[in-house]
Amino acid sequence: MSVDCDCDAHPSEVLLKDYGILASTDPVALDKACVDIIFNMKAEDGNDNAPLIERINSRHGTHTIDHAAAIGLGSLKYEIVDIDK
């Protein structure tokens, strides 16, 4: 994954491996789960979460999720269910 939007004509180098697909009927829980995965992963060679964490923090990304929950758009609680192939 790159820290830049898919629409960026010249995105930053990809530093973070693809995690997979997450889905939910609750957009707030989905965003919270995605952010938690990024913040809780351990960086390793070829899989660096630091640039994305800096981007999220510099744009108050977690504040947006908290506010969305506060105004009733969804919940901060979620359960990740792994679906086998």
PDB file of N, CA and C in Angstrom:
ATOM      1  N   MET A   1       0.844  -1.175   0.000  1.00  0.00           N
ATOM      2  CA  MET A   1       0.000   0.000   0.000  1.00  0.00           C
ATOM      3  C   MET A   1       0.891   1.241   0.000  1.00  0.00           C
ATOM      4  N   SER A   2       0.432   2.271  -0.608  1.00  0.00           N
ATOM      5  CA  SER A   2       1.112   3.561  -0.618  1.00  0.00           C
ATOM      6  C   SER A   2       0.331   4.523   0.276  1.00  0.00           C
ATOM      7  N   VAL A   3       1.010   5.497   0.838  1.00  0.00           N
ATOM      8  CA  VAL A   3       0.311   6.479   1.675  1.00  0.00           C
ATOM      9  C   VAL A   3      -0.524   7.431   0.835  1.00  0.00           C
ATOM     10  N   ASP A   4      -0.312   7.413  -0.471  1.00  0.00           N
ATOM     11  CA  ASP A   4      -1.038   8.327  -1.346  1.00  0.00           C
ATOM     12  C   ASP A   4      -2.324   7.702  -1.886  1.00  0.00           C
ATOM     13  N   CYS A   5      -3.222   8.560  -2.260  1.00  0.00           N
ATOM     14  CA  CYS A   5      -4.498   8.160  -2.836  1.00  0.00           C
ATOM     15  C   CYS A   5      -4.275   7.431  -4.165  1.00  0.00           C
ATOM     16  N   ASP A   6      -5.176   6.513  -4.493  1.00  0.00           N
ATOM     17  CA  ASP A   6      -5.112   5.809  -5.778  1.00  0.00           C
ATOM     18  C   ASP A   6      -5.183   6.774  -6.953  1.00  0.00           C
ATOM     19  N   CYS A   7      -5.766   7.949  -6.737  1.00  0.00           N
ATOM     20  CA  CYS A   7      -5.932   8.908  -7.821  1.00  0.00           C
ATOM     21  C   CYS A   7      -4.670   9.736  -8.075  1.00  0.00           C
ATOM     22  N   ASP A   8      -3.650   9.599  -7.229  1.00  0.00           N
ATOM     23  CA  ASP A   8      -2.406  10.356  -7.376  1.00  0.00           C
ATOM     24  C   ASP A   8      -1.637   9.837  -8.585  1.00  0.00           C
ATOM     25  N   ALA A   9      -1.309  10.739  -9.509  1.00  0.00           N
ATOM     26  CA  ALA A   9      -0.597  10.345 -10.724  1.00  0.00           C
ATOM     27  C   ALA A   9       0.843   9.900 -10.437  1.00  0.00           C
ATOM     28  N   HIS A  10       1.405  10.356  -9.323  1.00  0.00           N
ATOM     29  CA  HIS A  10       2.782  10.003  -8.950  1.00  0.00           C
ATOM     30  C   HIS A  10       2.823   9.609  -7.469  1.00  0.00           C
ATOM     31  N   PRO A  11       2.230   8.464  -7.129  1.00  0.00           N
ATOM     32  CA  PRO A  11       2.158   8.072  -5.719  1.00  0.00           C
ATOM     33  C   PRO A  11       3.528   7.728  -5.137  1.00  0.00           C
ATOM     34  N   SER A  12       3.622   7.821  -3.828  1.00  0.00           N
ATOM     35  CA  SER A  12       4.840   7.430  -3.129  1.00  0.00           C
ATOM     36  C   SER A  12       5.092   5.948  -3.342  1.00  0.00           C
ATOM     37  N   GLU A  13       6.340   5.560  -3.116  1.00  0.00           N
ATOM     38  CA  GLU A  13       6.729   4.158  -3.224  1.00  0.00           C
ATOM     39  C   GLU A  13       5.908   3.305  -2.245  1.00  0.00           C
ATOM     40  N   VAL A  14       5.585   2.114  -2.657  1.00  0.00           N
ATOM     41  CA  VAL A  14       4.848   1.191  -1.798  1.00  0.00           C
ATOM     42  C   VAL A  14       5.796   0.656  -0.730  1.00  0.00           C
ATOM     43  N   LEU A  15       5.463   0.908   0.539  1.00  0.00           N
ATOM     44  CA  LEU A  15       6.297   0.454   1.645  1.00  0.00           C
ATOM     45  C   LEU A  15       5.578  -0.529   2.552  1.00  0.00           C
ATOM     46  N   LEU A  16       4.279  -0.679   2.369  1.00  0.00           N
ATOM     47  CA  LEU A  16       3.471  -1.501   3.255  1.00  0.00           C
ATOM     48  C   LEU A  16       2.761  -2.574   2.444  1.00  0.00           C
ATOM     49  N   LYS A  17       2.947  -3.823   2.852  1.00  0.00           N
ATOM     50  CA  LYS A  17       2.326  -4.932   2.136  1.00  0.00           C
ATOM     51  C   LYS A  17       0.810  -4.879   2.255  1.00  0.00           C
ATOM     52  N   ASP A  18       0.146  -5.469   1.277  1.00  0.00           N
ATOM     53  CA  ASP A  18      -1.308  -5.561   1.275  1.00  0.00           C
ATOM     54  C   ASP A  18      -1.738  -6.467   2.421  1.00  0.00           C
ATOM     55  N   TYR A  19      -2.678  -6.017   3.219  1.00  0.00           N
ATOM     56  CA  TYR A  19      -3.154  -6.802   4.360  1.00  0.00           C
ATOM     57  C   TYR A  19      -4.256  -7.769   3.967  1.00  0.00           C
ATOM     58  N   GLY A  20      -5.052  -7.381   3.014  1.00  0.00           N
ATOM     59  CA  GLY A  20      -6.195  -8.203   2.618  1.00  0.00           C
ATOM     60  C   GLY A  20      -7.428  -7.334   2.479  1.00  0.00           C
ATOM     61  N   ILE A  21      -8.587  -7.943   2.562  1.00  0.00           N
ATOM     62  CA  ILE A  21      -9.847  -7.238   2.390  1.00  0.00           C
ATOM     63  C   ILE A  21     -10.628  -7.284   3.694  1.00  0.00           C
ATOM     64  N   LEU A  22     -11.096  -6.134   4.122  1.00  0.00           N
ATOM     65  CA  LEU A  22     -11.979  -6.054   5.279  1.00  0.00           C
ATOM     66  C   LEU A  22     -13.316  -5.529   4.798  1.00  0.00           C
ATOM     67  N   ALA A  23     -14.394  -5.993   5.414  1.00  0.00           N
ATOM     68  CA  ALA A  23     -15.738  -5.554   5.026  1.00  0.00           C
ATOM     69  C   ALA A  23     -16.614  -5.472   6.262  1.00  0.00           C
ATOM     70  N   SER A  24     -17.581  -4.568   6.226  1.00  0.00           N
ATOM     71  CA  SER A  24     -18.507  -4.407   7.336  1.00  0.00           C
ATOM     72  C   SER A  24     -19.708  -3.602   6.872  1.00  0.00           C
ATOM     73  N   THR A  25     -20.809  -3.779   7.569  1.00  0.00           N
ATOM     74  CA  THR A  25     -21.967  -2.918   7.328  1.00  0.00           C
ATOM     75  C   THR A  25     -21.865  -1.647   8.154  1.00  0.00           C
ATOM     76  N   ASP A  26     -20.871  -1.565   9.032  1.00  0.00           N
ATOM     77  CA  ASP A  26     -20.646  -0.397   9.892  1.00  0.00           C
ATOM     78  C   ASP A  26     -19.378   0.317   9.432  1.00  0.00           C
ATOM     79  N   PRO A  27     -19.518   1.469   8.769  1.00  0.00           N
ATOM     80  CA  PRO A  27     -18.338   2.153   8.233  1.00  0.00           C
ATOM     81  C   PRO A  27     -17.355   2.628   9.301  1.00  0.00           C
ATOM     82  N   VAL A  28     -17.842   2.977  10.475  1.00  0.00           N
ATOM     83  CA  VAL A  28     -16.952   3.437  11.543  1.00  0.00           C
ATOM     84  C   VAL A  28     -16.137   2.262  12.084  1.00  0.00           C
ATOM     85  N   ALA A  29     -16.801   1.148  12.345  1.00  0.00           N
ATOM     86  CA  ALA A  29     -16.096  -0.043  12.826  1.00  0.00           C
ATOM     87  C   ALA A  29     -15.061  -0.507  11.800  1.00  0.00           C
ATOM     88  N   LEU A  30     -15.404  -0.421  10.531  1.00  0.00           N
ATOM     89  CA  LEU A  30     -14.481  -0.815   9.469  1.00  0.00           C
ATOM     90  C   LEU A  30     -13.243   0.077   9.466  1.00  0.00           C
ATOM     91  N   ASP A  31     -13.439   1.383   9.507  1.00  0.00           N
ATOM     92  CA  ASP A  31     -12.308   2.305   9.548  1.00  0.00           C
ATOM     93  C   ASP A  31     -11.460   2.087  10.802  1.00  0.00           C
ATOM     94  N   LYS A  32     -12.117   1.884  11.945  1.00  0.00           N
ATOM     95  CA  LYS A  32     -11.402   1.653  13.201  1.00  0.00           C
ATOM     96  C   LYS A  32     -10.566   0.382  13.111  1.00  0.00           C
ATOM     97  N   ALA A  33     -11.124  -0.687  12.564  1.00  0.00           N
ATOM     98  CA  ALA A  33     -10.377  -1.937  12.417  1.00  0.00           C
ATOM     99  C   ALA A  33      -9.168  -1.749  11.506  1.00  0.00           C
ATOM    100  N   CYS A  34      -9.348  -1.046  10.397  1.00  0.00           N
ATOM    101  CA  CYS A  34      -8.239  -0.797   9.467  1.00  0.00           C
ATOM    102  C   CYS A  34      -7.117  -0.008  10.131  1.00  0.00           C
ATOM    103  N   VAL A  35      -7.475   1.046  10.839  1.00  0.00           N
ATOM    104  CA  VAL A  35      -6.475   1.867  11.527  1.00  0.00           C
ATOM    105  C   VAL A  35      -5.787   1.063  12.629  1.00  0.00           C
ATOM    106  N   ASP A  36      -6.546   0.287  13.378  1.00  0.00           N
ATOM    107  CA  ASP A  36      -5.949  -0.523  14.439  1.00  0.00           C
ATOM    108  C   ASP A  36      -4.948  -1.527  13.879  1.00  0.00           C
ATOM    109  N   ILE A  37      -5.264  -2.129  12.756  1.00  0.00           N
ATOM    110  CA  ILE A  37      -4.336  -3.073  12.130  1.00  0.00           C
ATOM    111  C   ILE A  37      -3.018  -2.381  11.804  1.00  0.00           C
ATOM    112  N   ILE A  38      -3.102  -1.206  11.199  1.00  0.00           N
ATOM    113  CA  ILE A  38      -1.890  -0.460  10.834  1.00  0.00           C
ATOM    114  C   ILE A  38      -1.097  -0.061  12.075  1.00  0.00           C
ATOM    115  N   PHE A  39      -1.771   0.474  13.093  1.00  0.00           N
ATOM    116  CA  PHE A  39      -1.088   0.940  14.291  1.00  0.00           C
ATOM    117  C   PHE A  39      -0.495  -0.204  15.118  1.00  0.00           C
ATOM    118  N   ASN A  40      -1.085  -1.384  15.052  1.00  0.00           N
ATOM    119  CA  ASN A  40      -0.650  -2.494  15.895  1.00  0.00           C
ATOM    120  C   ASN A  40       0.309  -3.464  15.232  1.00  0.00           C
ATOM    121  N   MET A  41       0.524  -3.315  13.945  1.00  0.00           N
ATOM    122  CA  MET A  41       1.434  -4.243  13.272  1.00  0.00           C
ATOM    123  C   MET A  41       2.885  -3.906  13.604  1.00  0.00           C
ATOM    124  N   LYS A  42       3.719  -4.915  13.563  1.00  0.00           N
ATOM    125  CA  LYS A  42       5.145  -4.726  13.796  1.00  0.00           C
ATOM    126  C   LYS A  42       5.830  -4.538  12.446  1.00  0.00           C
ATOM    127  N   ALA A  43       6.519  -3.421  12.290  1.00  0.00           N
ATOM    128  CA  ALA A  43       7.227  -3.153  11.032  1.00  0.00           C
ATOM    129  C   ALA A  43       8.365  -4.158  10.857  1.00  0.00           C
ATOM    130  N   GLU A  44       8.599  -4.529   9.619  1.00  0.00           N
ATOM    131  CA  GLU A  44       9.697  -5.434   9.291  1.00  0.00           C
ATOM    132  C   GLU A  44      10.212  -5.071   7.908  1.00  0.00           C
ATOM    133  N   ASP A  45      11.270  -5.699   7.482  1.00  0.00           N
ATOM    134  CA  ASP A  45      11.831  -5.429   6.163  1.00  0.00           C
ATOM    135  C   ASP A  45      10.767  -5.575   5.087  1.00  0.00           C
ATOM    136  N   GLY A  46      10.589  -4.552   4.285  1.00  0.00           N
ATOM    137  CA  GLY A  46       9.622  -4.588   3.196  1.00  0.00           C
ATOM    138  C   GLY A  46       8.180  -4.368   3.609  1.00  0.00           C
ATOM    139  N   ASN A  47       7.970  -4.024   4.880  1.00  0.00           N
ATOM    140  CA  ASN A  47       6.609  -3.814   5.380  1.00  0.00           C
ATOM    141  C   ASN A  47       6.663  -2.751   6.475  1.00  0.00           C
ATOM    142  N   ASP A  48       6.742  -1.491   6.060  1.00  0.00           N
ATOM    143  CA  ASP A  48       6.951  -0.371   6.981  1.00  0.00           C
ATOM    144  C   ASP A  48       5.670   0.437   7.158  1.00  0.00           C
ATOM    145  N   ASN A  49       5.098   0.392   8.356  1.00  0.00           N
ATOM    146  CA  ASN A  49       3.864   1.117   8.628  1.00  0.00           C
ATOM    147  C   ASN A  49       4.087   2.562   9.079  1.00  0.00           C
ATOM    148  N   ALA A  50       5.323   2.953   9.366  1.00  0.00           N
ATOM    149  CA  ALA A  50       5.609   4.295   9.904  1.00  0.00           C
ATOM    150  C   ALA A  50       5.114   5.434   9.010  1.00  0.00           C
ATOM    151  N   PRO A  51       5.338   5.405   7.691  1.00  0.00           N
ATOM    152  CA  PRO A  51       4.843   6.518   6.866  1.00  0.00           C
ATOM    153  C   PRO A  51       3.318   6.659   6.895  1.00  0.00           C
ATOM    154  N   LEU A  52       2.603   5.542   6.910  1.00  0.00           N
ATOM    155  CA  LEU A  52       1.147   5.618   6.945  1.00  0.00           C
ATOM    156  C   LEU A  52       0.662   6.105   8.309  1.00  0.00           C
ATOM    157  N   ILE A  53       1.316   5.674   9.373  1.00  0.00           N
ATOM    158  CA  ILE A  53       0.957   6.165  10.710  1.00  0.00           C
ATOM    159  C   ILE A  53       1.176   7.669  10.794  1.00  0.00           C
ATOM    160  N   GLU A  54       2.273   8.143  10.250  1.00  0.00           N
ATOM    161  CA  GLU A  54       2.539   9.601  10.242  1.00  0.00           C
ATOM    162  C   GLU A  54       1.464  10.327   9.455  1.00  0.00           C
ATOM    163  N   ARG A  55       1.051   9.776   8.325  1.00  0.00           N
ATOM    164  CA  ARG A  55       0.022  10.405   7.486  1.00  0.00           C
ATOM    165  C   ARG A  55      -1.312  10.442   8.230  1.00  0.00           C
ATOM    166  N   ILE A  56      -1.682   9.346   8.869  1.00  0.00           N
ATOM    167  CA  ILE A  56      -2.932   9.302   9.636  1.00  0.00           C
ATOM    168  C   ILE A  56      -2.896  10.329  10.758  1.00  0.00           C
ATOM    169  N   ASN A  57      -1.798  10.356  11.509  1.00  0.00           N
ATOM    170  CA  ASN A  57      -1.688  11.291  12.638  1.00  0.00           C
ATOM    171  C   ASN A  57      -1.660  12.749  12.186  1.00  0.00           C
ATOM    172  N   SER A  58      -0.970  13.032  11.092  1.00  0.00           N
ATOM    173  CA  SER A  58      -0.855  14.423  10.643  1.00  0.00           C
ATOM    174  C   SER A  58      -2.172  14.966  10.093  1.00  0.00           C
ATOM    175  N   ARG A  59      -3.089  14.068   9.755  1.00  0.00           N
ATOM    176  CA  ARG A  59      -4.396  14.493   9.229  1.00  0.00           C
ATOM    177  C   ARG A  59      -5.536  14.179  10.195  1.00  0.00           C
ATOM    178  N   HIS A  60      -5.163  13.901  11.425  1.00  0.00           N
ATOM    179  CA  HIS A  60      -6.135  13.650  12.499  1.00  0.00           C
ATOM    180  C   HIS A  60      -7.120  12.552  12.121  1.00  0.00           C
ATOM    181  N   GLY A  61      -6.626  11.500  11.508  1.00  0.00           N
ATOM    182  CA  GLY A  61      -7.466  10.411  11.039  1.00  0.00           C
ATOM    183  C   GLY A  61      -8.223   9.700  12.145  1.00  0.00           C
ATOM    184  N   THR A  62      -7.590   9.523  13.283  1.00  0.00           N
ATOM    185  CA  THR A  62      -8.296   8.840  14.371  1.00  0.00           C
ATOM    186  C   THR A  62      -9.363   9.747  14.976  1.00  0.00           C
ATOM    187  N   HIS A  63      -9.150  11.049  14.949  1.00  0.00           N
ATOM    188  CA  HIS A  63     -10.159  11.999  15.444  1.00  0.00           C
ATOM    189  C   HIS A  63     -11.431  11.893  14.591  1.00  0.00           C
ATOM    190  N   THR A  64     -11.257  11.749  13.313  1.00  0.00           N
ATOM    191  CA  THR A  64     -12.392  11.628  12.402  1.00  0.00           C
ATOM    192  C   THR A  64     -13.225  10.392  12.738  1.00  0.00           C
ATOM    193  N   ILE A  65     -12.547   9.287  13.013  1.00  0.00           N
ATOM    194  CA  ILE A  65     -13.245   8.044  13.369  1.00  0.00           C
ATOM    195  C   ILE A  65     -13.982   8.218  14.693  1.00  0.00           C
ATOM    196  N   ASP A  66     -13.318   8.793  15.687  1.00  0.00           N
ATOM    197  CA  ASP A  66     -13.952   9.013  16.994  1.00  0.00           C
ATOM    198  C   ASP A  66     -15.173   9.922  16.867  1.00  0.00           C
ATOM    199  N   HIS A  67     -15.056  10.972  16.076  1.00  0.00           N
ATOM    200  CA  HIS A  67     -16.177  11.900  15.901  1.00  0.00           C
ATOM    201  C   HIS A  67     -17.340  11.220  15.170  1.00  0.00           C
ATOM    202  N   ALA A  68     -17.026  10.431  14.183  1.00  0.00           N
ATOM    203  CA  ALA A  68     -18.080   9.713  13.457  1.00  0.00           C
ATOM    204  C   ALA A  68     -18.873   8.820  14.412  1.00  0.00           C
ATOM    205  N   ALA A  69     -18.180   8.163  15.332  1.00  0.00           N
ATOM    206  CA  ALA A  69     -18.871   7.330  16.326  1.00  0.00           C
ATOM    207  C   ALA A  69     -19.690   8.206  17.276  1.00  0.00           C
ATOM    208  N   ALA A  70     -19.133   9.335  17.678  1.00  0.00           N
ATOM    209  CA  ALA A  70     -19.819  10.230  18.625  1.00  0.00           C
ATOM    210  C   ALA A  70     -21.117  10.792  18.062  1.00  0.00           C
ATOM    211  N   ILE A  71     -21.179  11.004  16.757  1.00  0.00           N
ATOM    212  CA  ILE A  71     -22.404  11.548  16.161  1.00  0.00           C
ATOM    213  C   ILE A  71     -23.336  10.448  15.640  1.00  0.00           C
ATOM    214  N   GLY A  72     -23.007   9.208  15.969  1.00  0.00           N
ATOM    215  CA  GLY A  72     -23.915   8.114  15.676  1.00  0.00           C
ATOM    216  C   GLY A  72     -23.814   7.468  14.310  1.00  0.00           C
ATOM    217  N   LEU A  73     -22.694   7.666  13.626  1.00  0.00           N
ATOM    218  CA  LEU A  73     -22.550   7.058  12.300  1.00  0.00           C
ATOM    219  C   LEU A  73     -22.160   5.588  12.356  1.00  0.00           C
ATOM    220  N   GLY A  74     -21.779   5.112  13.547  1.00  0.00           N
ATOM    221  CA  GLY A  74     -21.370   3.720  13.694  1.00  0.00           C
ATOM    222  C   GLY A  74     -20.728   3.510  15.046  1.00  0.00           C
ATOM    223  N   SER A  75     -20.106   2.375  15.206  1.00  0.00           N
ATOM    224  CA  SER A  75     -19.523   1.966  16.481  1.00  0.00           C
ATOM    225  C   SER A  75     -18.011   1.798  16.370  1.00  0.00           C
ATOM    226  N   LEU A  76     -17.323   2.018  17.479  1.00  0.00           N
ATOM    227  CA  LEU A  76     -15.881   1.776  17.530  1.00  0.00           C
ATOM    228  C   LEU A  76     -15.574   0.310  17.847  1.00  0.00           C
ATOM    229  N   LYS A  77     -16.593  -0.458  18.147  1.00  0.00           N
ATOM    230  CA  LYS A  77     -16.407  -1.866  18.489  1.00  0.00           C
ATOM    231  C   LYS A  77     -16.549  -2.723  17.232  1.00  0.00           C
ATOM    232  N   TYR A  78     -15.702  -3.730  17.147  1.00  0.00           N
ATOM    233  CA  TYR A  78     -15.739  -4.621  15.999  1.00  0.00           C
ATOM    234  C   TYR A  78     -15.150  -5.965  16.387  1.00  0.00           C
ATOM    235  N   GLU A  79     -15.405  -6.940  15.557  1.00  0.00           N
ATOM    236  CA  GLU A  79     -14.803  -8.262  15.697  1.00  0.00           C
ATOM    237  C   GLU A  79     -14.281  -8.650  14.331  1.00  0.00           C
ATOM    238  N   ILE A  80     -13.033  -9.031  14.240  1.00  0.00           N
ATOM    239  CA  ILE A  80     -12.481  -9.484  12.981  1.00  0.00           C
ATOM    240  C   ILE A  80     -12.710 -10.984  12.870  1.00  0.00           C
ATOM    241  N   VAL A  81     -13.374 -11.379  11.802  1.00  0.00           N
ATOM    242  CA  VAL A  81     -13.655 -12.785  11.543  1.00  0.00           C
ATOM    243  C   VAL A  81     -12.861 -13.180  10.312  1.00  0.00           C
ATOM    244  N   ASP A  82     -11.968 -14.129  10.467  1.00  0.00           N
ATOM    245  CA  ASP A  82     -11.140 -14.597   9.366  1.00  0.00           C
ATOM    246  C   ASP A  82     -11.918 -15.636   8.567  1.00  0.00           C
ATOM    247  N   ILE A  83     -12.070 -15.388   7.287  1.00  0.00           N
ATOM    248  CA  ILE A  83     -12.783 -16.308   6.408  1.00  0.00           C
ATOM    249  C   ILE A  83     -11.756 -17.061   5.593  1.00  0.00           C
ATOM    250  N   ASP A  84     -11.726 -18.364   5.741  1.00  0.00           N
ATOM    251  CA  ASP A  84     -10.769 -19.189   4.993  1.00  0.00           C
ATOM    252  C   ASP A  84     -11.111 -19.211   3.515  1.00  0.00           C
ATOM    253  N   LYS A  85     -10.086 -19.418   2.727  1.00  0.00           N
ATOM    254  CA  LYS A  85     -10.268 -19.477   1.279  1.00  0.00           C
ATOM    255  C   LYS A  85     -10.952 -20.745   0.880  1.00  0.00           C
TER     256      LYS A  85
END
